[in-house]
């Protein structure tokens, strides 16, 4: 059984990753779409790998699109850790 997910920690992780991929920190909000944050296709692939490495969650690449919001990315991780 997985340990409970600390949503604040997941949100902070996602934000750090997005900044590493070029997003402006002040632009990141739960409603912001990856595309609005200038996360390109390679960034989406790298985010998928980071999620797997950090949380052992296999997120299908097709689930992470540039149209996804930051909150939706956090939710994918949360659901994957159940």
N, C-alpha and C. Protein backbone atom coordinates (compact mmCIF):
# COMPACT_ATOMS: atom_id res chain seq x y z
N UNK A 1 0.84 -1.17 0.00
CA UNK A 1 0.00 0.00 0.00
C UNK A 1 0.89 1.24 0.00
N UNK A 2 0.55 2.22 -0.84
CA UNK A 2 1.32 3.45 -0.93
C UNK A 2 1.03 4.35 0.26
N UNK A 3 2.02 5.18 0.55
CA UNK A 3 1.79 6.16 1.60
C UNK A 3 0.91 7.28 1.04
N UNK A 4 0.19 7.99 1.93
CA UNK A 4 -0.67 9.08 1.45
C UNK A 4 0.15 10.14 0.73
N UNK A 5 -0.49 10.78 -0.21
CA UNK A 5 0.19 11.79 -1.00
C UNK A 5 0.04 13.16 -0.34
N UNK A 6 1.14 13.85 -0.16
CA UNK A 6 1.13 15.22 0.35
C UNK A 6 0.95 16.13 -0.87
N UNK A 7 -0.28 16.63 -1.04
CA UNK A 7 -0.58 17.41 -2.24
C UNK A 7 0.27 18.67 -2.35
N UNK A 8 0.59 19.28 -1.23
CA UNK A 8 1.44 20.48 -1.27
C UNK A 8 2.83 20.12 -1.80
N UNK A 9 3.35 18.97 -1.38
CA UNK A 9 4.66 18.53 -1.86
C UNK A 9 4.61 18.19 -3.35
N UNK A 10 3.52 17.55 -3.78
CA UNK A 10 3.37 17.22 -5.20
C UNK A 10 3.30 18.51 -6.01
N UNK A 11 2.52 19.46 -5.55
CA UNK A 11 2.36 20.74 -6.25
C UNK A 11 3.72 21.45 -6.34
N UNK A 12 4.48 21.44 -5.25
CA UNK A 12 5.81 22.08 -5.25
C UNK A 12 6.75 21.37 -6.23
N UNK A 13 6.68 20.05 -6.27
CA UNK A 13 7.49 19.27 -7.21
C UNK A 13 7.16 19.66 -8.65
N UNK A 14 5.86 19.68 -8.97
CA UNK A 14 5.43 20.01 -10.33
C UNK A 14 5.90 21.42 -10.68
N UNK A 15 5.76 22.35 -9.77
CA UNK A 15 6.18 23.73 -10.03
C UNK A 15 7.69 23.80 -10.29
N UNK A 16 8.49 23.11 -9.47
CA UNK A 16 9.95 23.10 -9.67
C UNK A 16 10.30 22.54 -11.05
N UNK A 17 9.64 21.45 -11.40
CA UNK A 17 9.92 20.84 -12.70
C UNK A 17 9.57 21.79 -13.84
N UNK A 18 8.42 22.45 -13.74
CA UNK A 18 8.01 23.36 -14.80
C UNK A 18 8.99 24.53 -14.94
N UNK A 19 9.47 25.05 -13.82
CA UNK A 19 10.46 26.12 -13.86
C UNK A 19 11.74 25.61 -14.52
N UNK A 20 12.15 24.39 -14.18
CA UNK A 20 13.34 23.80 -14.80
C UNK A 20 13.18 23.68 -16.32
N UNK A 21 11.93 23.48 -16.78
CA UNK A 21 11.67 23.33 -18.21
C UNK A 21 11.39 24.67 -18.89
N UNK A 22 11.53 25.79 -18.13
CA UNK A 22 11.44 27.10 -18.76
C UNK A 22 10.25 27.96 -18.39
N UNK A 23 9.35 27.47 -17.57
CA UNK A 23 8.19 28.27 -17.19
C UNK A 23 8.60 29.40 -16.25
N UNK A 24 7.95 30.53 -16.38
CA UNK A 24 8.18 31.65 -15.48
C UNK A 24 7.45 31.37 -14.17
N UNK A 25 8.13 31.41 -13.03
CA UNK A 25 7.50 31.07 -11.75
C UNK A 25 6.22 31.85 -11.47
N UNK A 26 6.19 33.12 -11.81
CA UNK A 26 5.01 33.94 -11.56
C UNK A 26 3.81 33.60 -12.41
N UNK A 27 4.03 32.84 -13.46
CA UNK A 27 2.94 32.45 -14.36
C UNK A 27 2.28 31.13 -13.95
N UNK A 28 2.89 30.39 -13.03
CA UNK A 28 2.39 29.07 -12.66
C UNK A 28 1.24 29.22 -11.67
N UNK A 29 0.09 28.68 -12.07
CA UNK A 29 -1.09 28.63 -11.20
C UNK A 29 -1.79 27.31 -11.48
N UNK A 30 -2.72 26.93 -10.64
CA UNK A 30 -3.43 25.67 -10.86
C UNK A 30 -4.14 25.65 -12.21
N UNK A 31 -4.63 26.80 -12.66
CA UNK A 31 -5.39 26.87 -13.90
C UNK A 31 -4.53 27.02 -15.14
N UNK A 32 -3.24 27.30 -14.96
CA UNK A 32 -2.35 27.51 -16.11
C UNK A 32 -2.18 26.21 -16.88
N UNK A 33 -2.29 26.32 -18.19
CA UNK A 33 -2.08 25.17 -19.06
C UNK A 33 -0.59 25.09 -19.41
N UNK A 34 -0.11 23.87 -19.60
CA UNK A 34 1.32 23.68 -19.91
C UNK A 34 1.72 24.51 -21.11
N UNK A 35 0.86 24.57 -22.11
CA UNK A 35 1.15 25.35 -23.31
C UNK A 35 1.33 26.84 -22.98
N UNK A 36 0.49 27.36 -22.08
CA UNK A 36 0.60 28.77 -21.67
C UNK A 36 1.91 29.04 -20.95
N UNK A 37 2.47 28.01 -20.35
CA UNK A 37 3.73 28.14 -19.62
C UNK A 37 4.94 27.90 -20.52
N UNK A 38 4.68 27.78 -21.83
CA UNK A 38 5.73 27.53 -22.83
C UNK A 38 6.45 26.21 -22.61
N UNK A 39 5.71 25.20 -22.14
CA UNK A 39 6.26 23.85 -22.01
C UNK A 39 6.03 23.16 -23.35
N UNK A 40 7.10 22.84 -24.03
CA UNK A 40 6.98 22.20 -25.34
C UNK A 40 6.85 20.68 -25.20
N UNK A 41 6.78 20.01 -26.32
CA UNK A 41 6.61 18.55 -26.32
C UNK A 41 7.73 17.83 -25.59
N UNK A 42 8.95 18.30 -25.76
CA UNK A 42 10.07 17.69 -25.05
C UNK A 42 9.92 17.89 -23.55
N UNK A 43 9.48 19.05 -23.13
CA UNK A 43 9.22 19.31 -21.71
C UNK A 43 8.17 18.38 -21.15
N UNK A 44 7.14 18.09 -21.94
CA UNK A 44 6.09 17.17 -21.51
C UNK A 44 6.67 15.77 -21.31
N UNK A 45 7.51 15.34 -22.24
CA UNK A 45 8.16 14.02 -22.13
C UNK A 45 9.05 13.98 -20.89
N UNK A 46 9.82 15.04 -20.67
CA UNK A 46 10.70 15.10 -19.50
C UNK A 46 9.90 15.14 -18.21
N UNK A 47 8.76 15.82 -18.20
CA UNK A 47 7.91 15.85 -17.02
C UNK A 47 7.38 14.46 -16.71
N UNK A 48 6.99 13.72 -17.73
CA UNK A 48 6.53 12.34 -17.54
C UNK A 48 7.62 11.50 -16.89
N UNK A 49 8.85 11.63 -17.36
CA UNK A 49 9.97 10.88 -16.80
C UNK A 49 10.24 11.30 -15.36
N UNK A 50 10.15 12.59 -15.08
CA UNK A 50 10.38 13.09 -13.72
C UNK A 50 9.34 12.55 -12.74
N UNK A 51 8.10 12.51 -13.19
CA UNK A 51 7.02 11.99 -12.35
C UNK A 51 7.27 10.53 -12.03
N UNK A 52 7.66 9.76 -13.04
CA UNK A 52 7.94 8.34 -12.81
C UNK A 52 9.11 8.16 -11.84
N UNK A 53 10.14 8.94 -12.03
CA UNK A 53 11.33 8.84 -11.18
C UNK A 53 11.01 9.24 -9.73
N UNK A 54 10.28 10.31 -9.54
CA UNK A 54 10.02 10.85 -8.21
C UNK A 54 8.91 10.11 -7.46
N UNK A 55 7.84 9.73 -8.19
CA UNK A 55 6.67 9.17 -7.52
C UNK A 55 6.33 7.74 -7.94
N UNK A 56 7.14 7.15 -8.81
CA UNK A 56 6.88 5.79 -9.30
C UNK A 56 5.49 5.65 -9.89
N UNK A 57 5.07 6.70 -10.58
CA UNK A 57 3.76 6.72 -11.23
C UNK A 57 4.00 6.72 -12.74
N UNK A 58 3.43 5.72 -13.40
CA UNK A 58 3.51 5.66 -14.85
C UNK A 58 2.37 6.48 -15.42
N UNK A 59 2.69 7.65 -15.92
CA UNK A 59 1.69 8.50 -16.56
C UNK A 59 1.83 8.28 -18.06
N UNK A 60 0.78 7.76 -18.70
CA UNK A 60 0.88 7.58 -20.15
C UNK A 60 1.17 8.91 -20.82
N UNK A 61 2.09 8.91 -21.75
CA UNK A 61 2.48 10.14 -22.42
C UNK A 61 1.27 10.88 -23.01
N UNK A 62 0.31 10.11 -23.53
CA UNK A 62 -0.86 10.76 -24.13
C UNK A 62 -1.74 11.45 -23.08
N UNK A 63 -1.55 11.10 -21.80
CA UNK A 63 -2.32 11.76 -20.73
C UNK A 63 -1.77 13.15 -20.43
N UNK A 64 -0.49 13.35 -20.66
CA UNK A 64 0.13 14.66 -20.44
C UNK A 64 0.22 15.37 -21.79
N UNK A 65 -0.64 16.33 -21.96
CA UNK A 65 -0.63 17.12 -23.18
C UNK A 65 -0.35 18.56 -22.82
N UNK A 66 -0.01 19.35 -23.81
CA UNK A 66 0.27 20.75 -23.56
C UNK A 66 -0.99 21.50 -23.13
N UNK A 67 -2.16 20.88 -23.31
CA UNK A 67 -3.43 21.51 -22.95
C UNK A 67 -3.81 21.24 -21.49
N UNK A 68 -3.06 20.39 -20.82
CA UNK A 68 -3.34 20.02 -19.42
C UNK A 68 -2.99 21.17 -18.48
N UNK A 69 -3.77 21.31 -17.41
CA UNK A 69 -3.48 22.35 -16.42
C UNK A 69 -2.52 21.80 -15.37
N UNK A 70 -1.93 22.72 -14.62
CA UNK A 70 -1.03 22.34 -13.53
C UNK A 70 -1.80 21.49 -12.51
N UNK A 71 -3.03 21.89 -12.17
CA UNK A 71 -3.85 21.13 -11.22
C UNK A 71 -4.12 19.72 -11.74
N UNK A 72 -4.31 19.57 -13.03
CA UNK A 72 -4.57 18.25 -13.61
C UNK A 72 -3.33 17.36 -13.52
N UNK A 73 -2.15 17.94 -13.68
CA UNK A 73 -0.90 17.18 -13.53
C UNK A 73 -0.78 16.68 -12.09
N UNK A 74 -1.03 17.56 -11.13
CA UNK A 74 -0.99 17.18 -9.72
C UNK A 74 -1.98 16.06 -9.45
N UNK A 75 -3.18 16.15 -10.03
CA UNK A 75 -4.20 15.14 -9.83
C UNK A 75 -3.79 13.79 -10.44
N UNK A 76 -3.14 13.82 -11.58
CA UNK A 76 -2.65 12.57 -12.19
C UNK A 76 -1.67 11.86 -11.25
N UNK A 77 -0.81 12.63 -10.63
CA UNK A 77 0.15 12.03 -9.69
C UNK A 77 -0.60 11.49 -8.46
N UNK A 78 -1.52 12.27 -7.94
CA UNK A 78 -2.29 11.86 -6.76
C UNK A 78 -3.05 10.56 -7.04
N UNK A 79 -3.72 10.49 -8.17
CA UNK A 79 -4.48 9.28 -8.52
C UNK A 79 -3.56 8.09 -8.75
N UNK A 80 -2.39 8.35 -9.28
CA UNK A 80 -1.44 7.26 -9.54
C UNK A 80 -0.82 6.70 -8.28
N UNK A 81 -0.82 7.46 -7.20
CA UNK A 81 -0.21 7.03 -5.94
C UNK A 81 -1.19 6.32 -5.01
N UNK A 82 -2.42 6.19 -5.38
CA UNK A 82 -3.40 5.51 -4.51
C UNK A 82 -3.05 4.07 -4.31
